[in-house]
Amino acid sequence: MKGFWMPVLHSHLPFVKHPEYDYFLEEHWLFEAIVEVYIPLLMKFKQLEEEDIYFRLTTSITPPLAEMLSDNLLMEKFKKYLDKMIILTEKEISRTKDDIQFNKLAKFYNERFLKIKDFFYGFLEQNVLNGYRYFREKGYIEIITCNATHGFLPLLSINQNAVEAQIKIAVKNYQKYFGEKPKGIWLAECAYYDGLDKILKKYDIEYFFLDSHGIIYGKPAPIYGVFAPIYTKEGIAAFGRDPESSKQVWSSKEGYPGDFNYRDFYRDIGFDLDFDYIKDFISPDGHRVYTGIKYYKITGNVDLGEKEPYIPENAYLKAEEHALHFHFSREKQIEYLSKFMDRKPLIVSPYDAELFGHWWFEGPEFLYHLFKALDKFKQIKPITPSEYLEIYKENQIVRPSPSSWGDKGYFEVWLNEGNDWIYKHLHYMADRMLKLKEIYKDETDNIKIRVLNQMLRELLLAQSSDWAFLITTKTAKEYATKRTKEHIHNFLTLDNMLSSSNFDIDIIKWLEHKNSIFPDLNYKTDF
């Protein structure tokens, strides 16, 4: 065995729940992730277990994701979504009956959704978290937490209570779903600032992850670069991202996902087919949306209309080929690094989980074949952070550099002229929450306690880094702006109720129902 490989998946979605609508587009972010990412990955883990293949993987399950996967209303909507997708694939089998190639693809999707439904109702017992708990308890995966609502901590650090609340509530949420404190944390956007390790230590966090430059530009310079973790002065381990293995998988142009045999993401029957035919399976207001049923491959640098039909068998063979190439590349990389290191090199490869199955449809198949190759050749051992730190207990003490894994490596994505208006409100709300906590520290009135707890929920939801990110990337700018303003407005409305002692019970109940994240939140102890 020549060295170690540490795959890390960041599983996150912002908290989106709209009980006021039967259909809401942004809720489908969750439904699509369940059928394209979480369940396909869990199915591959089960296959690896049944084939007695050794594998190790680290994944975050962020608190908003855990809360949504456990929300009864959202899961009932998901079940309807899944049934609707099966109906659509059955309809597609009938529509394409005279076209052998597309009929085969329609049957492929129908079989796929039926297997996903069977796995969801069977092995998972209608709760995706059950699958993660199962593989965690078996020792195959290590689950870590993340900031409570994915808050971008360097930009919240003006108020230390705001940062502490993001960590404290995350730890509490992990205990709720996994029965013990988390050992590690995925800092939202891998965003780190000097001194954050003190707060992590306070809540017994043992390790976190940084982008490459967060380690490389540390003081003093790390002896092993990103190929071994460092300890902060508080004794918290920081693992650095390996840029080479990340780029091989992450990049849609230079990496594997851009191969012409793989399924094209953008060509979807939600846009391709006649409106009257597809209208029951897109947005009720008539807006065309992605259905997840895609019949074409990337093909090449051609227009959407020139794409060629997707052939799953060829794509899966290519995924196996790429898995073997990735294995070969890591083996050569480790052989080279071994010349300069007095310990076995560690390659840390963190990715957004949504890459595997959503953006790169064949991603779960790639991981399956990669773990098979690792098990077969036994030159590289997959490992979790806790396992590594058991082997190498002594590591260099380095002061990490402030950084993120966003574009240009620092904070610009989350603080620029398009979204800088957000932060004066977040800082005001955090300061106000701290004052109210002191004023009402001995409060016993149930209505006031409910209002204060909901104010904290609104603050936490407003702090989500997703909104600033979506505003910058313009992928869902209108929705992100609306959500940010909505949570600010809700906070101020509730604050006015407190100040005037004029409580609107209907508004309070509605906000508790709609923005129901962290139902056991307690402003006295959590902020």
Protein backbone atom coordinates (compact mmCIF):
# COMPACT_ATOMS: atom_id res chain seq x y z
CA MET A 1 0.00 0.00 0.00
CA LYS A 2 1.54 3.25 -1.21
CA GLY A 3 -0.72 5.95 0.18
CA PHE A 4 -4.20 7.14 1.08
CA TRP A 5 -7.13 8.66 -0.79
CA MET A 6 -9.77 10.64 1.10
CA PRO A 7 -12.95 11.30 -0.93
CA VAL A 8 -15.18 13.94 0.65
CA LEU A 9 -18.68 14.84 -0.56
CA HIS A 10 -20.44 18.00 0.54
CA SER A 11 -24.19 17.24 0.66
CA HIS A 12 -26.12 20.47 0.99
CA LEU A 13 -29.20 22.34 -0.15
CA PRO A 14 -30.68 25.53 1.31
CA PHE A 15 -33.83 25.15 3.39
CA VAL A 16 -36.74 25.55 0.96
CA LYS A 17 -40.29 24.83 2.09
CA HIS A 18 -43.44 26.38 0.68
CA PRO A 19 -46.59 24.89 2.24
CA GLU A 20 -48.62 27.65 0.58
CA TYR A 21 -48.15 25.94 -2.82
CA ASP A 22 -48.82 22.41 -4.04
CA TYR A 23 -46.02 22.93 -6.57
CA PHE A 24 -43.00 25.14 -6.01
CA LEU A 25 -40.07 25.01 -8.41
CA GLU A 26 -37.28 25.48 -5.85
CA GLU A 27 -38.59 22.59 -3.73
CA HIS A 28 -37.68 20.41 -6.70
CA TRP A 29 -34.00 21.07 -5.96
CA LEU A 30 -34.46 18.62 -3.09
CA PHE A 31 -36.56 16.09 -5.02
CA GLU A 32 -34.09 16.01 -7.90
CA ALA A 33 -31.15 15.60 -5.51
CA ILE A 34 -32.87 12.64 -3.82
CA VAL A 35 -33.51 10.73 -7.06
CA GLU A 36 -30.32 11.77 -8.89
CA VAL A 37 -27.72 11.96 -6.10
CA TYR A 38 -28.53 10.65 -2.62
CA ILE A 39 -30.43 7.47 -3.48
CA PRO A 40 -28.17 6.49 -6.43
CA LEU A 41 -25.10 6.92 -4.20
CA LEU A 42 -26.67 4.89 -1.40
CA MET A 43 -27.64 2.19 -3.90
CA LYS A 44 -24.02 2.00 -5.05
CA PHE A 45 -22.84 1.80 -1.43
CA LYS A 46 -25.22 -1.12 -0.91
CA GLN A 47 -23.89 -2.83 -4.02
CA LEU A 48 -20.31 -2.39 -2.79
CA GLU A 49 -21.26 -3.84 0.59
CA GLU A 50 -23.00 -6.83 -1.00
CA GLU A 51 -19.94 -7.48 -3.18
CA ASP A 52 -17.68 -7.24 -0.11
CA ILE A 53 -15.72 -4.32 -1.58
CA TYR A 54 -13.74 -2.24 0.93
CA PHE A 55 -14.64 1.44 0.72
CA ARG A 56 -14.47 4.57 2.83
CA LEU A 57 -16.07 7.94 2.14
CA THR A 58 -16.64 11.12 4.14
CA THR A 59 -19.77 13.16 3.55
CA SER A 60 -21.36 16.17 5.12
CA ILE A 61 -25.09 16.17 5.74
CA THR A 62 -25.83 19.83 6.36
CA PRO A 63 -28.46 20.73 8.97
CA PRO A 64 -30.85 22.26 6.38
CA LEU A 65 -30.64 19.09 4.30
CA ALA A 66 -31.21 16.84 7.32
CA GLU A 67 -34.19 18.96 8.35
CA MET A 68 -35.76 18.83 4.87
CA LEU A 69 -35.21 15.08 4.53
CA SER A 70 -37.06 14.69 7.84
CA ASP A 71 -39.90 17.11 7.08
CA ASN A 72 -43.23 15.29 6.66
CA LEU A 73 -44.73 17.84 4.27
CA LEU A 74 -41.71 17.87 1.97
CA MET A 75 -41.45 14.08 1.98
CA GLU A 76 -45.14 13.74 1.06
CA LYS A 77 -44.52 16.11 -1.83
CA PHE A 78 -41.48 14.05 -2.80
CA LYS A 79 -43.52 10.84 -2.94
CA LYS A 80 -46.00 12.52 -5.29
CA TYR A 81 -43.09 13.79 -7.40
CA LEU A 82 -41.62 10.28 -7.65
CA ASP A 83 -44.97 8.75 -8.64
CA LYS A 84 -45.43 11.47 -11.25
CA MET A 85 -42.02 10.72 -12.75
CA ILE A 86 -42.95 7.05 -13.07
CA ILE A 87 -46.20 8.01 -14.81
CA LEU A 88 -44.22 10.24 -17.20
CA THR A 89 -41.80 7.43 -18.07
CA GLU A 90 -44.73 5.09 -18.73
CA LYS A 91 -46.22 7.72 -21.00
CA GLU A 92 -42.86 8.03 -22.74
CA ILE A 93 -42.68 4.27 -23.35
CA SER A 94 -46.00 4.54 -25.16
CA ARG A 95 -45.02 7.68 -27.11
CA THR A 96 -41.73 6.21 -28.36
CA LYS A 97 -43.02 2.71 -29.17
CA ASP A 98 -42.18 3.10 -32.87
CA ASP A 99 -38.62 4.31 -32.26
CA ILE A 100 -36.38 1.50 -31.00
CA GLN A 101 -33.59 3.74 -29.70
CA PHE A 102 -35.72 6.22 -27.78
CA ASN A 103 -38.11 3.53 -26.59
CA LYS A 104 -35.14 1.74 -25.04
CA LEU A 105 -34.18 4.97 -23.25
CA ALA A 106 -37.75 5.50 -22.04
CA LYS A 107 -37.70 1.99 -20.57
CA PHE A 108 -34.28 2.72 -19.04
CA TYR A 109 -35.71 5.70 -17.14
CA ASN A 110 -38.86 3.84 -16.15
CA GLU A 111 -36.82 0.98 -14.70
CA ARG A 112 -34.51 3.46 -12.96
CA PHE A 113 -37.34 5.32 -11.21
CA LEU A 114 -39.02 2.06 -10.20
CA LYS A 115 -35.76 0.84 -8.62
CA ILE A 116 -35.36 4.16 -6.80
CA LYS A 117 -38.92 3.91 -5.48
CA ASP A 118 -38.36 0.33 -4.34
CA PHE A 119 -35.13 1.33 -2.55
CA PHE A 120 -36.81 4.35 -0.93
CA TYR A 121 -39.79 2.41 0.42
CA GLY A 122 -37.79 -0.74 1.16
CA PHE A 123 -34.21 -0.36 2.38
CA LEU A 124 -34.58 3.31 3.35
CA GLU A 125 -38.03 2.90 4.94
CA GLN A 126 -39.08 6.25 3.42
CA ASN A 127 -36.23 8.20 5.04
CA VAL A 128 -33.03 8.91 3.11
CA LEU A 129 -31.16 9.57 6.36
CA ASN A 130 -31.70 5.93 7.31
CA GLY A 131 -29.33 4.95 4.51
CA TYR A 132 -26.62 7.31 5.68
CA ARG A 133 -27.05 6.11 9.26
CA TYR A 134 -26.77 2.48 8.11
CA PHE A 135 -23.46 2.94 6.29
CA ARG A 136 -22.12 5.15 9.07
CA GLU A 137 -22.86 2.50 11.70
CA LYS A 138 -21.22 -0.13 9.48
CA GLY A 139 -18.07 2.00 9.34
CA TYR A 140 -18.13 2.58 5.58
CA ILE A 141 -18.76 6.32 5.71
CA GLU A 142 -17.99 9.13 8.12
CA ILE A 143 -20.66 11.81 8.34
CA ILE A 144 -19.68 15.34 9.29
CA THR A 145 -21.75 18.41 10.00
CA CYS A 146 -21.75 21.91 8.52
CA ASN A 147 -22.66 25.41 9.69
CA ALA A 148 -26.28 25.49 10.87
CA THR A 149 -27.66 27.25 7.80
CA HIS A 150 -24.48 27.30 5.69
CA GLY A 151 -23.64 30.79 6.91
CA PHE A 152 -20.48 32.33 5.46
CA LEU A 153 -18.61 32.67 8.75
CA PRO A 154 -15.87 35.21 7.86
CA LEU A 155 -18.56 37.73 6.92
CA LEU A 156 -20.60 37.03 10.07
CA SER A 157 -17.62 37.26 12.43
CA ILE A 158 -18.29 40.88 13.44
CA ASN A 159 -20.67 39.28 15.94
CA GLN A 160 -19.02 36.22 17.51
CA ASN A 161 -22.38 34.98 18.81
CA ALA A 162 -23.57 34.72 15.21
CA VAL A 163 -20.63 32.46 14.37
CA GLU A 164 -20.97 30.43 17.56
CA ALA A 165 -24.68 29.90 16.93
CA GLN A 166 -23.92 28.49 13.47
CA ILE A 167 -21.53 25.95 15.03
CA LYS A 168 -23.46 25.23 18.24
CA ILE A 169 -26.76 24.57 16.45
CA ALA A 170 -24.98 22.42 13.85
CA VAL A 171 -23.54 20.19 16.58
CA LYS A 172 -26.93 19.96 18.29
CA ASN A 173 -28.62 19.08 14.98
CA TYR A 174 -26.07 16.34 14.27
CA GLN A 175 -26.72 14.84 17.70
CA LYS A 176 -30.45 14.86 16.94
CA TYR A 177 -30.07 12.81 13.75
CA PHE A 178 -26.96 10.71 14.41
CA GLY A 179 -26.96 10.26 18.19
CA GLU A 180 -23.58 11.77 19.06
CA LYS A 181 -21.41 14.83 18.48
CA PRO A 182 -19.75 15.19 15.07
CA LYS A 183 -16.00 14.77 14.88
CA GLY A 184 -15.62 16.95 11.82
CA ILE A 185 -17.21 19.88 10.07
CA TRP A 186 -17.43 21.11 6.51
CA LEU A 187 -17.14 24.87 6.90
CA ALA A 188 -19.63 26.37 4.44
CA GLU A 189 -17.77 27.26 1.23
CA CYS A 190 -14.59 26.05 3.03
CA ALA A 191 -14.53 29.62 4.35
CA TYR A 192 -12.02 30.18 7.13
CA TYR A 193 -10.83 33.22 9.05
CA ASP A 194 -8.10 33.57 11.65
CA GLY A 195 -9.35 32.53 15.09
CA LEU A 196 -12.26 30.37 13.93
CA ASP A 197 -10.45 27.32 15.29
CA LYS A 198 -11.06 28.58 18.85
CA ILE A 199 -14.81 28.31 18.33
CA LEU A 200 -14.47 24.89 16.69
CA LYS A 201 -12.46 23.67 19.67
CA LYS A 202 -15.12 24.95 22.08
CA TYR A 203 -17.64 22.60 20.44
CA ASP A 204 -15.27 19.60 20.25
CA ILE A 205 -14.75 19.70 16.48
CA GLU A 206 -11.62 17.71 15.66
CA TYR A 207 -11.09 18.56 11.98
CA PHE A 208 -12.25 20.60 8.99
CA PHE A 209 -11.36 21.09 5.32
CA LEU A 210 -9.77 23.96 3.40
CA ASP A 211 -9.03 24.70 -0.22
CA SER A 212 -5.40 24.22 -1.23
CA HIS A 213 -4.27 27.82 -0.70
CA GLY A 214 -5.73 27.89 2.81
CA ILE A 215 -3.01 25.39 3.72
CA ILE A 216 -0.23 26.37 1.28
CA TYR A 217 -0.28 30.04 2.32
CA GLY A 218 -0.33 29.13 6.00
CA LYS A 219 2.40 30.24 8.40
CA PRO A 220 4.87 28.61 8.61
CA ALA A 221 4.75 26.93 5.21
CA PRO A 222 3.43 23.36 5.52
CA ILE A 223 6.22 20.81 5.09
CA TYR A 224 4.00 18.33 3.23
CA GLY A 225 1.88 20.85 1.34
CA VAL A 226 -1.71 19.58 1.12
CA PHE A 227 -0.62 15.93 1.26
CA ALA A 228 -0.91 15.68 5.03
CA PRO A 229 -3.14 17.61 7.43
CA ILE A 230 -1.88 20.39 9.66
CA TYR A 231 -2.95 21.29 13.18
CA THR A 232 -4.03 24.80 14.05
CA LYS A 233 -2.61 26.25 17.26
CA GLU A 234 -5.84 25.11 18.96
CA GLY A 235 -5.10 21.52 17.92
CA ILE A 236 -7.81 21.23 15.25
CA ALA A 237 -6.75 19.31 12.13
CA ALA A 238 -7.19 20.98 8.74
CA PHE A 239 -7.15 18.87 5.57
CA GLY A 240 -6.30 20.63 2.30
CA ARG A 241 -7.82 19.96 -1.11
CA ASP A 242 -5.61 18.33 -3.72
CA PRO A 243 -6.05 20.45 -6.88
CA GLU A 244 -5.03 17.75 -9.36
CA SER A 245 -7.58 15.11 -8.37
CA SER A 246 -10.24 17.77 -7.92
CA LYS A 247 -9.80 19.16 -11.41
CA GLN A 248 -9.86 15.71 -13.00
CA VAL A 249 -13.37 15.15 -11.72
CA TRP A 250 -14.73 18.65 -11.16
CA SER A 251 -13.98 20.36 -14.46
CA SER A 252 -16.70 19.93 -17.10
CA LYS A 253 -14.21 20.92 -19.81
CA GLU A 254 -10.95 19.27 -18.78
CA GLY A 255 -12.35 16.63 -16.42
CA TYR A 256 -14.19 13.37 -16.95
CA PRO A 257 -17.76 14.81 -16.87
CA GLY A 258 -17.18 16.53 -20.22
CA ASP A 259 -16.66 13.26 -22.12
CA PHE A 260 -18.84 13.20 -25.23
CA ASN A 261 -20.37 9.82 -24.32
CA TYR A 262 -21.87 11.07 -21.07
CA ARG A 263 -25.45 12.23 -20.77
CA ASP A 264 -26.10 15.84 -21.68
CA PHE A 265 -27.61 17.82 -18.81
CA TYR A 266 -29.36 20.55 -20.77
CA ARG A 267 -31.29 18.59 -23.40
CA ASP A 268 -34.44 17.56 -21.51
CA ILE A 269 -37.94 16.50 -22.61
CA GLY A 270 -39.37 19.25 -20.41
CA PHE A 271 -38.17 21.64 -23.12
CA ASP A 272 -38.15 19.34 -26.15
CA LEU A 273 -41.67 17.96 -26.26
CA ASP A 274 -44.98 19.49 -27.30
CA PHE A 275 -46.50 21.71 -24.60
CA ASP A 276 -49.90 19.98 -24.51
CA TYR A 277 -48.15 16.63 -24.06
CA ILE A 278 -45.75 17.71 -21.30
CA LYS A 279 -47.84 20.38 -19.51
CA ASP A 280 -48.90 18.12 -16.61
CA PHE A 281 -45.24 17.44 -15.79
CA ILE A 282 -43.84 20.98 -15.82
CA SER A 283 -44.67 24.07 -13.77
CA PRO A 284 -48.45 24.66 -13.46
CA ASP A 285 -47.94 28.23 -14.67
CA GLY A 286 -46.66 26.86 -17.99
CA HIS A 287 -42.95 27.47 -17.43
CA ARG A 288 -40.93 24.64 -18.90
CA VAL A 289 -38.57 22.96 -16.43
CA TYR A 290 -36.10 20.10 -16.36
CA THR A 291 -37.83 16.76 -15.80
CA GLY A 292 -34.64 14.72 -15.44
CA ILE A 293 -35.51 12.64 -18.50
CA LYS A 294 -32.78 13.36 -21.01
CA TYR A 295 -32.30 11.36 -24.21
CA TYR A 296 -29.10 12.85 -25.57
CA LYS A 297 -25.38 12.66 -24.91
CA ILE A 298 -22.92 15.56 -24.78
CA THR A 299 -21.81 14.58 -28.32
CA GLY A 300 -19.28 17.41 -28.70
CA ASN A 301 -19.09 21.16 -28.97
CA VAL A 302 -22.31 21.31 -30.94
CA ASP A 303 -25.66 23.06 -30.63
CA LEU A 304 -28.37 21.38 -28.55
CA GLY A 305 -30.24 20.45 -31.72
CA GLU A 306 -27.24 18.50 -33.00
CA LYS A 307 -26.85 16.26 -29.96
CA GLU A 308 -26.87 12.51 -30.61
CA PRO A 309 -28.92 9.91 -28.69
CA TYR A 310 -27.57 8.82 -25.32
CA ILE A 311 -26.36 5.22 -25.00
CA PRO A 312 -26.19 4.29 -21.29
CA GLU A 313 -24.08 1.17 -21.88
CA ASN A 314 -21.35 3.20 -23.59
CA ALA A 315 -21.48 5.88 -20.90
CA TYR A 316 -21.13 3.33 -18.10
CA LEU A 317 -18.17 1.71 -19.84
CA LYS A 318 -16.59 5.14 -20.07
CA ALA A 319 -17.24 5.69 -16.34
CA GLU A 320 -15.36 2.46 -15.59
CA GLU A 321 -12.53 3.54 -17.89
CA HIS A 322 -12.31 6.92 -16.18
CA ALA A 323 -12.32 5.27 -12.75
CA LEU A 324 -9.32 3.17 -13.76
CA HIS A 325 -7.58 6.25 -15.16
CA PHE A 326 -8.22 8.15 -11.93
CA HIS A 327 -6.78 5.22 -9.97
CA PHE A 328 -3.69 5.11 -12.21
CA SER A 329 -3.22 8.90 -11.88
CA ARG A 330 -3.43 8.80 -8.09
CA GLU A 331 -1.00 5.88 -7.95
CA LYS A 332 1.57 7.79 -10.02
CA GLN A 333 0.96 10.95 -8.00
CA ILE A 334 1.52 9.08 -4.74
CA GLU A 335 4.66 7.38 -6.08
CA TYR A 336 6.09 10.78 -6.95
CA LEU A 337 5.14 12.36 -3.61
CA SER A 338 6.63 9.43 -1.69
CA LYS A 339 10.11 10.52 -2.82
CA PHE A 340 9.79 13.67 -0.72
CA MET A 341 7.78 12.48 2.29
CA ASP A 342 8.63 10.39 5.35
CA ARG A 343 5.02 9.25 5.69
CA LYS A 344 2.49 7.83 3.23
CA PRO A 345 1.00 10.65 1.11
CA LEU A 346 -2.65 11.57 1.51
CA ILE A 347 -4.75 12.78 -1.42
CA VAL A 348 -7.85 14.71 -0.27
CA SER A 349 -10.54 15.04 -2.94
CA PRO A 350 -13.56 17.12 -1.88
CA TYR A 351 -16.53 17.64 -4.21
CA ASP A 352 -20.09 18.87 -4.07
CA ALA A 353 -22.20 15.72 -3.77
CA GLU A 354 -24.54 17.07 -6.47
CA LEU A 355 -21.77 16.54 -9.03
CA PHE A 356 -22.31 12.80 -8.68
CA GLY A 357 -25.61 12.06 -10.37
CA HIS A 358 -27.09 15.51 -10.99
CA TRP A 359 -24.50 17.36 -13.06
CA TRP A 360 -22.57 14.21 -13.92
CA PHE A 361 -25.23 11.54 -14.34
CA GLU A 362 -22.69 8.70 -14.40
CA GLY A 363 -20.86 9.98 -11.29
CA PRO A 364 -22.16 7.29 -8.89
CA GLU A 365 -21.12 4.61 -11.40
CA PHE A 366 -17.64 6.18 -11.54
CA LEU A 367 -17.31 6.03 -7.74
CA TYR A 368 -18.49 2.41 -7.69
CA HIS A 369 -15.82 1.33 -10.20
CA LEU A 370 -13.17 3.44 -8.49
CA PHE A 371 -13.75 1.73 -5.14
CA LYS A 372 -13.65 -1.65 -6.91
CA ALA A 373 -10.29 -0.74 -8.46
CA LEU A 374 -8.90 0.46 -5.13
CA ASP A 375 -9.99 -2.81 -3.52
CA LYS A 376 -8.59 -4.94 -6.34
CA PHE A 377 -5.12 -3.39 -6.66
CA LYS A 378 -4.66 -2.42 -2.99
CA GLN A 379 -2.05 0.23 -3.83
CA ILE A 380 -4.11 3.11 -2.45
CA LYS A 381 -6.31 2.84 0.62
CA PRO A 382 -9.48 4.93 0.94
CA ILE A 383 -9.59 6.49 4.38
CA THR A 384 -11.67 8.81 6.56
CA PRO A 385 -10.23 11.77 8.51
CA SER A 386 -10.70 10.04 11.87
CA GLU A 387 -8.92 6.92 10.63
CA TYR A 388 -6.02 8.98 9.30
CA LEU A 389 -5.62 10.94 12.54
CA GLU A 390 -5.51 7.66 14.45
CA ILE A 391 -2.52 6.59 12.34
CA TYR A 392 -0.73 9.96 12.29
CA LYS A 393 -1.38 11.61 15.63
CA GLU A 394 1.42 14.17 15.27
CA ASN A 395 1.13 16.85 12.60
CA GLN A 396 2.78 20.19 11.91
CA ILE A 397 1.26 23.25 13.59
CA VAL A 398 0.39 25.86 10.97
CA ARG A 399 -1.72 29.01 11.04
CA PRO A 400 -4.10 28.56 8.06
CA SER A 401 -4.69 31.40 5.64
CA PRO A 402 -8.12 33.03 5.42
CA SER A 403 -9.67 31.52 2.30
CA SER A 404 -12.65 29.84 0.65
CA TRP A 405 -13.14 27.42 -2.22
CA GLY A 406 -15.12 29.99 -4.19
CA ASP A 407 -14.08 31.74 -7.39
CA LYS A 408 -10.69 33.49 -6.90
CA GLY A 409 -10.30 31.70 -3.57
CA TYR A 410 -11.47 34.28 -1.06
CA PHE A 411 -14.73 36.08 -0.23
CA GLU A 412 -15.64 38.00 -3.39
CA VAL A 413 -18.45 35.66 -4.47
CA TRP A 414 -20.32 36.36 -1.22
CA LEU A 415 -19.43 40.05 -0.88
CA ASN A 416 -19.60 42.22 -3.97
CA GLU A 417 -21.57 45.15 -5.35
CA GLY A 418 -24.47 42.85 -6.24
CA ASN A 419 -25.07 41.41 -2.76
CA ASP A 420 -23.28 43.66 -0.26
CA TRP A 421 -26.63 45.15 0.82
CA ILE A 422 -27.37 41.93 2.71
CA TYR A 423 -24.78 42.28 5.45
CA LYS A 424 -25.88 45.45 7.22
CA HIS A 425 -29.19 43.68 7.86
CA LEU A 426 -27.54 40.46 9.04
CA HIS A 427 -25.30 42.39 11.43
CA TYR A 428 -28.20 44.45 12.76
CA MET A 429 -30.31 41.32 13.30
CA ALA A 430 -27.48 39.48 15.09
CA ASP A 431 -26.82 42.47 17.37
CA ARG A 432 -30.53 42.84 18.05
CA MET A 433 -30.88 39.13 18.83
CA LEU A 434 -28.06 39.38 21.34
CA LYS A 435 -29.76 42.32 23.10
CA LEU A 436 -33.12 40.55 23.16
CA LYS A 437 -31.51 37.42 24.58
CA GLU A 438 -30.30 39.52 27.52
CA ILE A 439 -33.58 41.40 27.94
CA TYR A 440 -35.66 38.21 27.89
CA LYS A 441 -33.17 35.87 29.57
CA ASP A 442 -35.69 34.91 32.27
CA GLU A 443 -38.80 35.05 30.08
CA THR A 444 -41.56 32.55 30.94
CA ASP A 445 -44.39 33.81 28.72
CA ASN A 446 -44.95 31.14 26.05
CA ILE A 447 -45.92 33.54 23.24
CA LYS A 448 -42.86 35.73 23.76
CA ILE A 449 -40.60 32.66 23.86
CA ARG A 450 -42.11 31.41 20.59
CA VAL A 451 -41.59 34.82 18.96
CA LEU A 452 -37.96 35.00 20.08
CA ASN A 453 -37.26 31.46 18.89
CA GLN A 454 -38.80 32.25 15.51
CA MET A 455 -36.75 35.44 15.27
CA LEU A 456 -33.63 33.32 15.69
CA ARG A 457 -34.85 30.97 12.92
CA GLU A 458 -35.41 33.92 10.59
CA LEU A 459 -31.93 35.26 11.37
CA LEU A 460 -30.33 31.88 10.71
CA LEU A 461 -32.21 31.43 7.43
CA ALA A 462 -31.25 34.94 6.30
CA GLN A 463 -27.59 34.09 7.02
CA SER A 464 -27.51 31.24 4.48
CA SER A 465 -24.58 31.77 2.10
CA ASP A 466 -26.69 30.27 -0.68
CA TRP A 467 -28.62 33.51 -1.19
CA ALA A 468 -25.52 35.68 -1.73
CA PHE A 469 -24.06 32.97 -3.99
CA LEU A 470 -27.19 32.69 -6.14
CA ILE A 471 -27.39 36.47 -6.47
CA THR A 472 -23.79 36.56 -7.73
CA THR A 473 -24.15 33.66 -10.16
CA LYS A 474 -27.61 34.87 -11.28
CA THR A 475 -28.83 31.25 -11.35
CA ALA A 476 -31.80 31.99 -9.08
CA LYS A 477 -31.20 35.65 -8.31
CA GLU A 478 -34.85 36.67 -7.98
CA TYR A 479 -35.70 33.84 -5.58
CA ALA A 480 -32.53 34.36 -3.50
CA THR A 481 -33.20 38.09 -3.19
CA LYS A 482 -36.82 37.44 -2.23
CA ARG A 483 -35.86 34.89 0.40
CA THR A 484 -33.27 37.19 1.98
CA LYS A 485 -35.69 40.12 2.17
CA GLU A 486 -38.47 37.85 3.42
CA HIS A 487 -36.45 36.63 6.41
CA ILE A 488 -35.35 40.17 7.25
CA HIS A 489 -38.97 41.32 7.07
CA ASN A 490 -40.16 38.41 9.23
CA PHE A 491 -37.53 39.19 11.86
CA LEU A 492 -38.53 42.85 12.02
CA THR A 493 -42.25 42.00 12.11
CA LEU A 494 -41.73 39.70 15.08
CA ASP A 495 -39.51 42.29 16.77
CA ASN A 496 -42.30 44.85 16.44
CA MET A 497 -44.71 42.40 18.07
CA LEU A 498 -42.36 42.11 21.03
CA SER A 499 -41.89 45.87 21.33
CA SER A 500 -45.61 46.62 21.14
CA SER A 501 -46.82 43.51 23.00
CA ASN A 502 -49.31 43.17 20.15
CA PHE A 503 -48.99 39.55 19.02
CA ASP A 504 -50.58 38.27 15.81
CA ILE A 505 -50.96 34.57 16.57
CA ASP A 506 -51.85 33.69 12.97
CA ILE A 507 -48.59 35.20 11.66
CA ILE A 508 -46.57 33.48 14.38
CA LYS A 509 -48.16 30.10 13.62
CA TRP A 510 -47.65 30.52 9.89
CA LEU A 511 -43.96 31.37 10.21
CA GLU A 512 -43.44 28.45 12.59
CA HIS A 513 -45.07 26.18 10.01
CA LYS A 514 -43.33 27.53 6.92
CA ASN A 515 -39.86 28.32 8.26
CA SER A 516 -39.86 25.33 10.57
CA ILE A 517 -36.14 24.54 10.56
CA PHE A 518 -34.81 23.53 14.01
CA PRO A 519 -38.15 23.07 15.83
CA ASP A 520 -36.29 22.58 19.14
CA LEU A 521 -34.43 25.91 18.86
CA ASN A 522 -33.96 27.85 22.10
CA TYR A 523 -32.85 31.49 21.89
CA LYS A 524 -31.65 31.42 25.52
CA THR A 525 -29.06 28.70 24.93
CA ASP A 526 -28.53 28.54 21.16
CA PHE A 527 -27.45 32.14 20.52
